[in-house]
Amino acid sequence: MSPRRRGRPRLDLEELPPALAATLDAAVAGEEVMLTRSGAPLGTLVVRSSTLEGVVHETPRTKDPRPVPEGITVVATAMELSEKARRRISEELGEDYIVLDLHEAPPCADVLLVPPISPQLVGALRGQFPDARLLVTEIEDEELGVHYGGPVSRMLEAGASGYLPPRPVAELATTVHAHLRRRDALALEASAAGQEQTGEGRTLTD
């Protein structure tokens, strides 16, 4: 009698220390992670990721592209959104825009909204929508029930103070100073607002 096959081990990145979660996120994004023990190399960690993060094999469209009036900017969404959510995005963009699901959008779409995904998937979507401006976005909307976060959001939620986009070393100090000044200014505004609510810091005269 063969031994019972155990289920595959599972790791929830939300429950891991931020540094470890970030390393695994890098592996999911396609980077090779070197594993060592006491400084000695053991091997390379390669993640076989889910459909969203993995290598995409082109499949036939399940729907015909929607006809779009001339002069309208087409925004395609490469994420699972309800009709209500897409309608809300369209309303916020204005009457010159139309927001369509990835499978309904024509190949000539102008903008493609995607969640944080792997470089392989970016390349596949680039091939499908060659002229679109591909914008990576994270969405957190409780009202519409849309949650598309990424590694940066998880690190901020774990306690990181901010995120500085990539830039040359020569500009790093300027960026850090600007971030600190902005944080201090927000702290002062919050303190002043608190004093106004409690009456502290006021001078009363007859």
N, C-alpha and C. Protein backbone atom coordinates (compact mmCIF):
# COMPACT_ATOMS: atom_id res chain seq x y z
N MET A 1 0.86 -1.19 0.00
CA MET A 1 0.00 0.00 0.00
C MET A 1 0.89 1.23 0.00
N SER A 2 0.65 2.12 -0.93
CA SER A 2 1.49 3.32 -1.04
C SER A 2 1.15 4.31 0.05
N PRO A 3 2.16 5.07 0.52
CA PRO A 3 1.90 6.06 1.56
C PRO A 3 0.96 7.15 1.06
N ARG A 4 0.19 7.69 1.99
CA ARG A 4 -0.76 8.74 1.62
C ARG A 4 0.01 10.00 1.22
N ARG A 5 -0.40 10.59 0.12
CA ARG A 5 0.28 11.79 -0.38
C ARG A 5 -0.18 13.00 0.41
N ARG A 6 0.78 13.70 0.97
CA ARG A 6 0.44 14.89 1.74
C ARG A 6 0.19 16.08 0.82
N GLY A 7 -0.61 17.02 1.31
CA GLY A 7 -0.83 18.24 0.53
C GLY A 7 0.43 19.08 0.45
N ARG A 8 0.50 19.93 -0.56
CA ARG A 8 1.67 20.76 -0.73
C ARG A 8 1.78 21.80 0.38
N PRO A 9 2.98 22.05 0.88
CA PRO A 9 3.14 23.10 1.91
C PRO A 9 2.72 24.45 1.35
N ARG A 10 2.21 25.30 2.23
CA ARG A 10 1.76 26.63 1.80
C ARG A 10 2.42 27.69 2.66
N LEU A 11 2.74 28.82 2.05
CA LEU A 11 3.28 29.98 2.76
C LEU A 11 2.43 31.20 2.42
N ASP A 12 1.96 31.89 3.43
CA ASP A 12 1.21 33.14 3.23
C ASP A 12 2.20 34.29 3.39
N LEU A 13 2.46 35.03 2.31
CA LEU A 13 3.45 36.11 2.37
C LEU A 13 3.06 37.19 3.38
N GLU A 14 1.75 37.33 3.63
CA GLU A 14 1.31 38.34 4.58
C GLU A 14 1.74 38.01 6.01
N GLU A 15 2.03 36.73 6.28
CA GLU A 15 2.38 36.31 7.64
C GLU A 15 3.88 36.20 7.84
N LEU A 16 4.67 36.45 6.80
CA LEU A 16 6.12 36.32 6.89
C LEU A 16 6.77 37.65 7.26
N PRO A 17 7.98 37.61 7.83
CA PRO A 17 8.72 38.86 8.07
C PRO A 17 8.89 39.62 6.76
N PRO A 18 8.84 40.97 6.79
CA PRO A 18 8.88 41.76 5.56
C PRO A 18 10.06 41.44 4.65
N ALA A 19 11.26 41.25 5.22
CA ALA A 19 12.44 40.98 4.39
C ALA A 19 12.28 39.66 3.64
N LEU A 20 11.76 38.63 4.33
CA LEU A 20 11.57 37.33 3.69
C LEU A 20 10.48 37.41 2.64
N ALA A 21 9.39 38.12 2.95
CA ALA A 21 8.29 38.27 1.99
C ALA A 21 8.77 38.99 0.73
N ALA A 22 9.62 40.02 0.92
CA ALA A 22 10.14 40.76 -0.23
C ALA A 22 11.02 39.87 -1.10
N THR A 23 11.81 39.01 -0.46
CA THR A 23 12.67 38.09 -1.22
C THR A 23 11.84 37.12 -2.04
N LEU A 24 10.78 36.58 -1.43
CA LEU A 24 9.92 35.65 -2.16
C LEU A 24 9.15 36.37 -3.27
N ASP A 25 8.77 37.64 -3.03
CA ASP A 25 8.12 38.41 -4.08
C ASP A 25 9.05 38.57 -5.28
N ALA A 26 10.34 38.80 -5.00
CA ALA A 26 11.32 38.92 -6.09
C ALA A 26 11.41 37.62 -6.86
N ALA A 27 11.36 36.48 -6.16
CA ALA A 27 11.41 35.18 -6.83
C ALA A 27 10.18 34.99 -7.70
N VAL A 28 9.01 35.39 -7.19
CA VAL A 28 7.77 35.27 -7.97
C VAL A 28 7.85 36.13 -9.23
N ALA A 29 8.54 37.29 -9.12
CA ALA A 29 8.66 38.20 -10.26
C ALA A 29 9.67 37.72 -11.29
N GLY A 30 10.33 36.58 -11.02
CA GLY A 30 11.23 36.02 -12.00
C GLY A 30 12.70 36.06 -11.65
N GLU A 31 13.05 36.67 -10.50
CA GLU A 31 14.45 36.74 -10.11
C GLU A 31 14.89 35.42 -9.46
N GLU A 32 16.13 35.06 -9.69
CA GLU A 32 16.69 33.87 -9.07
C GLU A 32 17.25 34.24 -7.70
N VAL A 33 16.89 33.47 -6.69
CA VAL A 33 17.32 33.73 -5.31
C VAL A 33 18.30 32.64 -4.89
N MET A 34 19.51 33.04 -4.50
CA MET A 34 20.52 32.09 -4.07
C MET A 34 20.26 31.67 -2.63
N LEU A 35 20.21 30.37 -2.37
CA LEU A 35 20.02 29.84 -1.03
C LEU A 35 21.36 29.41 -0.46
N THR A 36 21.63 29.83 0.78
CA THR A 36 22.89 29.47 1.44
C THR A 36 22.60 28.98 2.85
N ARG A 37 23.57 28.25 3.42
CA ARG A 37 23.52 27.86 4.83
C ARG A 37 24.90 28.06 5.41
N SER A 38 24.97 28.95 6.42
CA SER A 38 26.26 29.32 7.03
C SER A 38 27.26 29.81 5.98
N GLY A 39 26.74 30.53 5.00
CA GLY A 39 27.58 31.09 3.96
C GLY A 39 27.85 30.18 2.79
N ALA A 40 27.51 28.89 2.91
CA ALA A 40 27.78 27.94 1.84
C ALA A 40 26.56 27.87 0.91
N PRO A 41 26.77 28.00 -0.41
CA PRO A 41 25.64 27.96 -1.35
C PRO A 41 24.99 26.57 -1.38
N LEU A 42 23.66 26.57 -1.38
CA LEU A 42 22.90 25.32 -1.46
C LEU A 42 22.25 25.13 -2.82
N GLY A 43 21.88 26.23 -3.44
CA GLY A 43 21.21 26.14 -4.72
C GLY A 43 20.48 27.43 -5.03
N THR A 44 19.67 27.41 -6.06
CA THR A 44 18.93 28.59 -6.49
C THR A 44 17.44 28.33 -6.40
N LEU A 45 16.73 29.26 -5.79
CA LEU A 45 15.28 29.16 -5.66
C LEU A 45 14.62 29.76 -6.89
N VAL A 46 13.83 28.97 -7.58
CA VAL A 46 13.07 29.42 -8.74
C VAL A 46 11.61 29.13 -8.48
N VAL A 47 10.76 30.14 -8.58
CA VAL A 47 9.34 29.99 -8.27
C VAL A 47 8.55 29.72 -9.53
N ARG A 48 7.75 28.69 -9.49
CA ARG A 48 6.77 28.44 -10.55
C ARG A 48 5.48 29.10 -10.10
N SER A 49 5.21 30.28 -10.62
CA SER A 49 4.15 31.11 -10.08
C SER A 49 2.80 30.81 -10.69
N SER A 50 1.79 31.50 -10.18
CA SER A 50 0.42 31.31 -10.64
C SER A 50 0.22 31.93 -12.02
N THR A 51 -0.98 31.80 -12.55
CA THR A 51 -1.25 32.30 -13.89
C THR A 51 -0.99 33.79 -14.00
N LEU A 52 -1.39 34.57 -12.98
CA LEU A 52 -1.23 36.02 -13.02
C LEU A 52 0.22 36.40 -13.13
N GLU A 53 1.12 35.68 -12.42
CA GLU A 53 2.51 36.06 -12.37
C GLU A 53 3.38 35.26 -13.32
N GLY A 54 2.83 34.24 -13.96
CA GLY A 54 3.69 33.33 -14.72
C GLY A 54 3.81 33.69 -16.18
N VAL A 55 4.34 32.75 -16.92
CA VAL A 55 4.49 32.92 -18.35
C VAL A 55 3.14 32.71 -19.01
N VAL A 56 2.77 33.62 -19.87
CA VAL A 56 1.44 33.57 -20.48
C VAL A 56 1.55 32.98 -21.88
N HIS A 57 0.73 31.99 -22.15
CA HIS A 57 0.62 31.44 -23.49
C HIS A 57 -0.61 32.06 -24.14
N GLU A 58 -0.43 32.63 -25.30
CA GLU A 58 -1.52 33.34 -25.95
C GLU A 58 -2.69 32.41 -26.20
N THR A 59 -3.87 32.85 -25.84
CA THR A 59 -5.08 32.06 -26.04
C THR A 59 -6.06 32.85 -26.90
N PRO A 60 -6.95 32.17 -27.59
CA PRO A 60 -7.92 32.89 -28.42
C PRO A 60 -8.81 33.76 -27.54
N ARG A 61 -9.26 34.86 -28.09
CA ARG A 61 -10.19 35.73 -27.37
C ARG A 61 -11.51 35.01 -27.13
N THR A 62 -12.05 35.21 -25.93
CA THR A 62 -13.35 34.62 -25.63
C THR A 62 -14.48 35.54 -26.09
N LYS A 63 -14.16 36.82 -26.35
CA LYS A 63 -15.16 37.77 -26.79
C LYS A 63 -14.59 38.58 -27.94
N ASP A 64 -15.46 39.06 -28.81
CA ASP A 64 -15.02 39.95 -29.86
C ASP A 64 -14.79 41.34 -29.27
N PRO A 65 -13.80 42.07 -29.80
CA PRO A 65 -13.54 43.42 -29.28
C PRO A 65 -14.77 44.31 -29.42
N ARG A 66 -15.01 45.13 -28.40
CA ARG A 66 -16.13 46.05 -28.45
C ARG A 66 -15.85 47.16 -29.45
N PRO A 67 -16.83 47.58 -30.24
CA PRO A 67 -16.63 48.73 -31.12
C PRO A 67 -16.47 50.00 -30.29
N VAL A 68 -15.54 50.85 -30.69
CA VAL A 68 -15.25 52.07 -29.94
C VAL A 68 -15.40 53.27 -30.88
N PRO A 69 -16.16 54.28 -30.47
CA PRO A 69 -16.31 55.48 -31.32
C PRO A 69 -14.97 56.18 -31.52
N GLU A 70 -14.83 56.83 -32.64
CA GLU A 70 -13.58 57.54 -32.95
C GLU A 70 -13.38 58.70 -31.97
N GLY A 71 -12.14 58.91 -31.58
CA GLY A 71 -11.81 60.00 -30.66
C GLY A 71 -11.91 59.62 -29.19
N ILE A 72 -12.30 58.39 -28.88
CA ILE A 72 -12.43 57.93 -27.50
C ILE A 72 -11.14 57.20 -27.08
N THR A 73 -10.64 57.53 -25.91
CA THR A 73 -9.45 56.85 -25.37
C THR A 73 -9.87 55.55 -24.70
N VAL A 74 -9.29 54.45 -25.15
CA VAL A 74 -9.65 53.13 -24.64
C VAL A 74 -8.68 52.72 -23.53
N VAL A 75 -9.23 52.42 -22.36
CA VAL A 75 -8.45 51.95 -21.22
C VAL A 75 -8.82 50.49 -20.97
N ALA A 76 -7.86 49.60 -21.12
CA ALA A 76 -8.09 48.17 -20.88
C ALA A 76 -7.59 47.82 -19.48
N THR A 77 -8.32 46.97 -18.78
CA THR A 77 -7.95 46.57 -17.42
C THR A 77 -7.57 45.10 -17.40
N ALA A 78 -6.34 44.82 -17.01
CA ALA A 78 -5.85 43.44 -16.93
C ALA A 78 -5.97 42.93 -15.51
N MET A 79 -7.12 43.15 -14.90
CA MET A 79 -7.40 42.68 -13.55
C MET A 79 -8.88 42.41 -13.45
N GLU A 80 -9.25 41.56 -12.52
CA GLU A 80 -10.66 41.20 -12.38
C GLU A 80 -11.41 42.33 -11.69
N LEU A 81 -12.25 43.00 -12.45
CA LEU A 81 -13.03 44.12 -11.92
C LEU A 81 -14.50 43.91 -12.28
N SER A 82 -15.37 44.34 -11.40
CA SER A 82 -16.80 44.28 -11.69
C SER A 82 -17.16 45.37 -12.69
N GLU A 83 -18.32 45.22 -13.32
CA GLU A 83 -18.80 46.26 -14.22
C GLU A 83 -18.94 47.59 -13.48
N LYS A 84 -19.35 47.52 -12.22
CA LYS A 84 -19.50 48.74 -11.43
C LYS A 84 -18.16 49.43 -11.24
N ALA A 85 -17.11 48.65 -10.97
CA ALA A 85 -15.79 49.24 -10.77
C ALA A 85 -15.27 49.87 -12.05
N ARG A 86 -15.43 49.17 -13.18
CA ARG A 86 -14.98 49.74 -14.45
C ARG A 86 -15.78 50.99 -14.81
N ARG A 87 -17.08 50.96 -14.50
CA ARG A 87 -17.91 52.13 -14.77
C ARG A 87 -17.47 53.32 -13.92
N ARG A 88 -17.09 53.05 -12.67
CA ARG A 88 -16.63 54.13 -11.79
C ARG A 88 -15.33 54.75 -12.32
N ILE A 89 -14.40 53.90 -12.77
CA ILE A 89 -13.15 54.42 -13.34
C ILE A 89 -13.44 55.27 -14.57
N SER A 90 -14.35 54.78 -15.42
CA SER A 90 -14.71 55.51 -16.63
C SER A 90 -15.32 56.86 -16.31
N GLU A 91 -16.20 56.89 -15.31
CA GLU A 91 -16.83 58.16 -14.91
C GLU A 91 -15.80 59.15 -14.39
N GLU A 92 -14.84 58.66 -13.61
CA GLU A 92 -13.82 59.54 -13.05
C GLU A 92 -12.89 60.07 -14.15
N LEU A 93 -12.64 59.26 -15.18
CA LEU A 93 -11.77 59.70 -16.27
C LEU A 93 -12.45 60.75 -17.14
N GLY A 94 -13.74 60.59 -17.35
CA GLY A 94 -14.47 61.55 -18.17
C GLY A 94 -15.10 60.91 -19.39
N GLU A 95 -15.91 61.71 -20.09
CA GLU A 95 -16.70 61.18 -21.20
C GLU A 95 -15.87 60.81 -22.42
N ASP A 96 -14.62 61.25 -22.48
CA ASP A 96 -13.76 60.93 -23.62
C ASP A 96 -13.03 59.60 -23.44
N TYR A 97 -13.36 58.85 -22.38
CA TYR A 97 -12.70 57.58 -22.09
C TYR A 97 -13.74 56.46 -22.02
N ILE A 98 -13.27 55.26 -22.33
CA ILE A 98 -14.07 54.06 -22.11
C ILE A 98 -13.16 53.01 -21.49
N VAL A 99 -13.65 52.34 -20.44
CA VAL A 99 -12.86 51.35 -19.72
C VAL A 99 -13.43 49.97 -20.02
N LEU A 100 -12.59 49.10 -20.57
CA LEU A 100 -13.03 47.76 -20.99
C LEU A 100 -12.18 46.68 -20.33
N ASP A 101 -12.79 45.52 -20.16
CA ASP A 101 -12.04 44.36 -19.71
C ASP A 101 -11.01 43.98 -20.78
N LEU A 102 -9.92 43.39 -20.31
CA LEU A 102 -8.83 42.97 -21.19
C LEU A 102 -9.33 42.20 -22.41
N HIS A 103 -10.31 41.30 -22.21
CA HIS A 103 -10.77 40.41 -23.28
C HIS A 103 -11.75 41.09 -24.23
N GLU A 104 -12.23 42.27 -23.87
CA GLU A 104 -13.15 43.00 -24.74
C GLU A 104 -12.45 44.14 -25.46
N ALA A 105 -11.26 44.51 -25.01
CA ALA A 105 -10.57 45.67 -25.57
C ALA A 105 -9.94 45.35 -26.91
N PRO A 106 -9.94 46.29 -27.84
CA PRO A 106 -9.29 46.08 -29.13
C PRO A 106 -7.77 46.15 -28.99
N PRO A 107 -7.03 45.54 -29.91
CA PRO A 107 -5.57 45.58 -29.84
C PRO A 107 -5.00 46.99 -29.89
N CYS A 108 -5.78 47.95 -30.39
CA CYS A 108 -5.31 49.34 -30.49
C CYS A 108 -5.62 50.14 -29.22
N ALA A 109 -5.89 49.47 -28.10
CA ALA A 109 -6.18 50.17 -26.84
C ALA A 109 -5.07 51.16 -26.53
N ASP A 110 -5.45 52.28 -25.91
CA ASP A 110 -4.50 53.37 -25.64
C ASP A 110 -3.77 53.20 -24.31
N VAL A 111 -4.47 52.65 -23.31
CA VAL A 111 -3.91 52.51 -21.96
C VAL A 111 -4.23 51.12 -21.45
N LEU A 112 -3.28 50.52 -20.75
CA LEU A 112 -3.49 49.21 -20.15
C LEU A 112 -3.16 49.29 -18.67
N LEU A 113 -4.15 49.08 -17.81
CA LEU A 113 -3.95 49.09 -16.36
C LEU A 113 -3.71 47.67 -15.88
N VAL A 114 -2.59 47.45 -15.20
CA VAL A 114 -2.26 46.12 -14.71
C VAL A 114 -1.86 46.19 -13.25
N PRO A 115 -2.09 45.13 -12.48
CA PRO A 115 -1.57 45.06 -11.11
C PRO A 115 -0.08 44.73 -11.17
N PRO A 116 0.62 44.73 -10.03
CA PRO A 116 2.03 44.30 -10.03
C PRO A 116 2.14 42.87 -10.55
N ILE A 117 2.85 42.69 -11.66
CA ILE A 117 2.95 41.39 -12.31
C ILE A 117 4.39 41.13 -12.69
N SER A 118 4.64 39.97 -13.23
CA SER A 118 5.99 39.57 -13.59
C SER A 118 6.42 40.23 -14.90
N PRO A 119 7.74 40.36 -15.13
CA PRO A 119 8.23 40.88 -16.40
C PRO A 119 7.76 40.05 -17.60
N GLN A 120 7.64 38.72 -17.41
CA GLN A 120 7.18 37.88 -18.50
C GLN A 120 5.76 38.24 -18.94
N LEU A 121 4.90 38.50 -17.95
CA LEU A 121 3.53 38.85 -18.28
C LEU A 121 3.46 40.24 -18.91
N VAL A 122 4.30 41.15 -18.45
CA VAL A 122 4.36 42.48 -19.07
C VAL A 122 4.70 42.34 -20.56
N GLY A 123 5.69 41.50 -20.86
CA GLY A 123 6.06 41.30 -22.25
C GLY A 123 4.94 40.71 -23.08
N ALA A 124 4.20 39.76 -22.50
CA ALA A 124 3.09 39.15 -23.22
C ALA A 124 1.99 40.16 -23.49
N LEU A 125 1.68 41.01 -22.52
CA LEU A 125 0.65 42.03 -22.71
C LEU A 125 1.11 43.09 -23.70
N ARG A 126 2.39 43.39 -23.69
CA ARG A 126 2.94 44.32 -24.67
C ARG A 126 2.71 43.82 -26.09
N GLY A 127 2.88 42.50 -26.27
CA GLY A 127 2.64 41.93 -27.58
C GLY A 127 1.18 41.99 -27.99
N GLN A 128 0.29 41.89 -27.00
CA GLN A 128 -1.15 41.90 -27.28
C GLN A 128 -1.67 43.31 -27.53
N PHE A 129 -1.07 44.29 -26.85
CA PHE A 129 -1.48 45.70 -26.98
C PHE A 129 -0.23 46.53 -27.25
N PRO A 130 0.29 46.49 -28.46
CA PRO A 130 1.60 47.08 -28.76
C PRO A 130 1.66 48.59 -28.60
N ASP A 131 0.55 49.29 -28.77
CA ASP A 131 0.58 50.76 -28.72
C ASP A 131 0.10 51.33 -27.39
N ALA A 132 -0.32 50.48 -26.47
CA ALA A 132 -0.88 50.97 -25.21
C ALA A 132 0.21 51.43 -24.24
N ARG A 133 -0.12 52.43 -23.47
CA ARG A 133 0.73 52.83 -22.34
C ARG A 133 0.39 51.91 -21.17
N LEU A 134 1.32 51.10 -20.78
CA LEU A 134 1.08 50.12 -19.73
C LEU A 134 1.40 50.74 -18.37
N LEU A 135 0.38 50.86 -17.54
CA LEU A 135 0.51 51.48 -16.23
C LEU A 135 0.29 50.44 -15.14
N VAL A 136 1.30 50.25 -14.29
CA VAL A 136 1.18 49.32 -13.15
C VAL A 136 0.52 50.08 -12.01
N THR A 137 -0.55 49.53 -11.47
CA THR A 137 -1.28 50.22 -10.41
C THR A 137 -1.70 49.26 -9.31
N GLU A 138 -1.70 49.76 -8.08
CA GLU A 138 -2.25 49.02 -6.95
C GLU A 138 -3.56 49.68 -6.55
N ILE A 139 -4.57 48.87 -6.27
CA ILE A 139 -5.90 49.40 -5.95
C ILE A 139 -6.36 48.83 -4.62
N GLU A 140 -6.84 49.70 -3.76
CA GLU A 140 -7.48 49.29 -2.51
C GLU A 140 -8.77 50.08 -2.38
N ASP A 141 -9.89 49.45 -2.63
CA ASP A 141 -11.18 50.13 -2.57
C ASP A 141 -12.17 49.23 -1.84
N GLU A 142 -12.44 49.56 -0.58
CA GLU A 142 -13.34 48.74 0.23
C GLU A 142 -14.76 48.78 -0.32
N GLU A 143 -15.20 49.96 -0.77
CA GLU A 143 -16.57 50.11 -1.25
C GLU A 143 -16.86 49.19 -2.43
N LEU A 144 -15.91 49.12 -3.37
CA LEU A 144 -16.12 48.31 -4.57
C LEU A 144 -15.55 46.90 -4.43
N GLY A 145 -14.90 46.63 -3.29
CA GLY A 145 -14.36 45.29 -3.06
C GLY A 145 -13.21 44.94 -3.97
N VAL A 146 -12.36 45.93 -4.30
CA VAL A 146 -11.23 45.71 -5.20
C VAL A 146 -9.94 45.79 -4.38
N HIS A 147 -9.13 44.76 -4.44
CA HIS A 147 -7.88 44.72 -3.69
C HIS A 147 -6.77 44.14 -4.57
N TYR A 148 -5.93 45.01 -5.05
CA TYR A 148 -4.77 44.60 -5.84
C TYR A 148 -3.54 45.31 -5.28
N GLY A 149 -2.88 44.65 -4.33
CA GLY A 149 -1.68 45.21 -3.73
C GLY A 149 -0.44 44.55 -4.29
N GLY A 150 0.71 45.05 -3.88
CA GLY A 150 1.97 44.50 -4.32
C GLY A 150 2.99 44.50 -3.20
N PRO A 151 4.23 44.16 -3.49
CA PRO A 151 5.25 44.07 -2.44
C PRO A 151 5.49 45.38 -1.71
N VAL A 152 5.42 46.50 -2.42
CA VAL A 152 5.65 47.79 -1.76
C VAL A 152 4.56 48.06 -0.73
N SER A 153 3.31 47.81 -1.10
CA SER A 153 2.21 48.01 -0.15
C SER A 153 2.37 47.12 1.07
N ARG A 154 2.78 45.87 0.87
CA ARG A 154 2.95 44.96 2.00
C ARG A 154 4.06 45.45 2.94
N MET A 155 5.13 45.99 2.37
CA MET A 155 6.22 46.50 3.21
C MET A 155 5.79 47.75 3.98
N LEU A 156 5.00 48.62 3.34
CA LEU A 156 4.51 49.81 4.04
C LEU A 156 3.56 49.42 5.16
N GLU A 157 2.69 48.44 4.90
CA GLU A 157 1.77 47.98 5.93
C GLU A 157 2.52 47.33 7.09
N ALA A 158 3.69 46.74 6.79
CA ALA A 158 4.47 46.08 7.84
C ALA A 158 5.27 47.07 8.69
N GLY A 159 5.32 48.34 8.28
CA GLY A 159 6.01 49.33 9.10
C GLY A 159 6.99 50.21 8.39
N ALA A 160 7.23 50.01 7.08
CA ALA A 160 8.12 50.91 6.35
C ALA A 160 7.52 52.31 6.31
N SER A 161 8.37 53.34 6.37
CA SER A 161 7.90 54.72 6.45
C SER A 161 7.56 55.32 5.09
N GLY A 162 8.11 54.80 4.02
CA GLY A 162 7.83 55.38 2.71
C GLY A 162 8.53 54.60 1.63
N TYR A 163 8.22 54.96 0.39
CA TYR A 163 8.83 54.33 -0.78
C TYR A 163 9.40 55.41 -1.67
N LEU A 164 10.66 55.30 -2.02
CA LEU A 164 11.33 56.24 -2.91
C LEU A 164 11.54 55.56 -4.25
N PRO A 165 10.97 56.08 -5.33
CA PRO A 165 11.15 55.46 -6.65
C PRO A 165 12.62 55.44 -7.05
N PRO A 166 13.00 54.56 -7.96
CA PRO A 166 14.39 54.47 -8.39
C PRO A 166 14.90 55.79 -8.96
N ARG A 167 16.14 56.16 -8.59
CA ARG A 167 16.77 57.38 -9.07
C ARG A 167 18.27 57.27 -8.88
N PRO A 168 19.07 58.10 -9.55
CA PRO A 168 20.52 58.05 -9.37
C PRO A 168 20.93 58.35 -7.94
N VAL A 169 22.10 57.84 -7.54
CA VAL A 169 22.61 58.06 -6.18
C VAL A 169 22.72 59.55 -5.89
N ALA A 170 23.12 60.34 -6.89
CA ALA A 170 23.31 61.77 -6.68
C ALA A 170 22.02 62.47 -6.26
N GLU A 171 20.88 61.90 -6.61
CA GLU A 171 19.59 62.52 -6.26
C GLU A 171 18.99 61.94 -4.99
N LEU A 172 19.62 60.92 -4.43
CA LEU A 172 19.03 60.23 -3.29
C LEU A 172 18.90 61.14 -2.08
N ALA A 173 19.96 61.91 -1.76
CA ALA A 173 19.93 62.78 -0.58
C ALA A 173 18.80 63.81 -0.71
N THR A 174 18.65 64.40 -1.90
CA THR A 174 17.58 65.37 -2.11
C THR A 174 16.21 64.75 -1.88
N THR A 175 16.04 63.53 -2.36
CA THR A 175 14.77 62.84 -2.19
C THR A 175 14.49 62.53 -0.73
N VAL A 176 15.51 62.07 -0.01
CA VAL A 176 15.35 61.76 1.42
C VAL A 176 14.99 63.02 2.18
N HIS A 177 15.70 64.13 1.91
CA HIS A 177 15.40 65.39 2.59
C HIS A 177 13.95 65.82 2.31
N ALA A 178 13.52 65.72 1.06
CA ALA A 178 12.15 66.12 0.70
C ALA A 178 11.14 65.25 1.43
N HIS A 179 11.41 63.95 1.53
CA HIS A 179 10.49 63.05 2.22
C HIS A 179 10.40 63.40 3.70
N LEU A 180 11.54 63.68 4.33
CA LEU A 180 11.54 64.01 5.75
C LEU A 180 10.86 65.33 6.01
N ARG A 181 11.09 66.34 5.15
CA ARG A 181 10.43 67.63 5.32
C ARG A 181 8.92 67.48 5.19
N ARG A 182 8.49 66.68 4.22
CA ARG A 182 7.06 66.48 4.02
C ARG A 182 6.45 65.77 5.22
N ARG A 183 7.16 64.76 5.75
CA ARG A 183 6.65 64.03 6.91
C ARG A 183 6.55 64.95 8.12
N ASP A 184 7.59 65.79 8.34
CA ASP A 184 7.57 66.72 9.48
C ASP A 184 6.45 67.74 9.33
N ALA A 185 6.23 68.21 8.09
CA ALA A 185 5.16 69.18 7.87
C ALA A 185 3.80 68.57 8.17
N LEU A 186 3.59 67.31 7.76
CA LEU A 186 2.32 66.64 8.05
C LEU A 186 2.13 66.44 9.55
N ALA A 187 3.24 66.14 10.27
CA ALA A 187 3.16 65.96 11.71
C ALA A 187 2.77 67.27 12.39
N LEU A 188 3.34 68.39 11.92
CA LEU A 188 3.00 69.70 12.50
C LEU A 188 1.55 70.06 12.24
N GLU A 189 1.07 69.76 11.02
CA GLU A 189 -0.33 70.05 10.71
C GLU A 189 -1.26 69.23 11.58
N ALA A 190 -0.92 67.96 11.80
CA ALA A 190 -1.75 67.11 12.64
C ALA A 190 -1.75 67.60 14.08
N SER A 191 -0.59 68.04 14.56
CA SER A 191 -0.50 68.55 15.92
C SER A 191 -1.32 69.82 16.08
N ALA A 192 -1.23 70.73 15.10
CA ALA A 192 -1.99 71.97 15.16
C ALA A 192 -3.49 71.71 15.13
N ALA A 193 -3.90 70.75 14.30
CA ALA A 193 -5.33 70.41 14.22
C ALA A 193 -5.82 69.84 15.55
N GLY A 194 -4.98 69.03 16.19
CA GLY A 194 -5.36 68.47 17.48
C GLY A 194 -5.51 69.53 18.55
N GLN A 195 -4.60 70.52 18.52
CA GLN A 195 -4.68 71.61 19.50
C GLN A 195 -5.94 72.44 19.29
N GLU A 196 -6.33 72.66 18.04
CA GLU A 196 -7.54 73.43 17.78
C GLU A 196 -8.77 72.71 18.30
N GLN A 197 -8.80 71.39 18.16
CA GLN A 197 -9.96 70.62 18.60
C GLN A 197 -10.07 70.59 20.12
N THR A 198 -8.92 70.57 20.83
CA THR A 198 -8.96 70.49 22.28
C THR A 198 -8.90 71.85 22.95
N GLY A 199 -8.66 72.92 22.15
CA GLY A 199 -8.56 74.26 22.73
C GLY A 199 -7.19 74.59 23.23
N GLU A 200 -6.22 73.65 23.10
CA GLU A 200 -4.88 73.92 23.55
C GLU A 200 -4.20 74.90 22.62
N GLY A 201 -3.31 75.72 23.20
CA GLY A 201 -2.54 76.64 22.40
C GLY A 201 -3.30 77.92 22.08
N ARG A 202 -4.54 78.06 22.58
CA ARG A 202 -5.31 79.29 22.30
C ARG A 202 -5.08 80.31 23.42
N THR A 203 -5.15 81.58 23.05
CA THR A 203 -5.07 82.66 24.01
C THR A 203 -6.45 83.28 24.13
N LEU A 204 -7.01 83.19 25.32
CA LEU A 204 -8.36 83.72 25.53
C LEU A 204 -8.26 85.14 26.07
N THR A 205 -9.05 86.04 25.51
CA THR A 205 -9.06 87.45 25.97
C THR A 205 -10.49 87.84 26.31
N ASP A 206 -10.61 88.85 27.16
CA ASP A 206 -11.95 89.34 27.53
C ASP A 206 -12.56 90.12 26.38
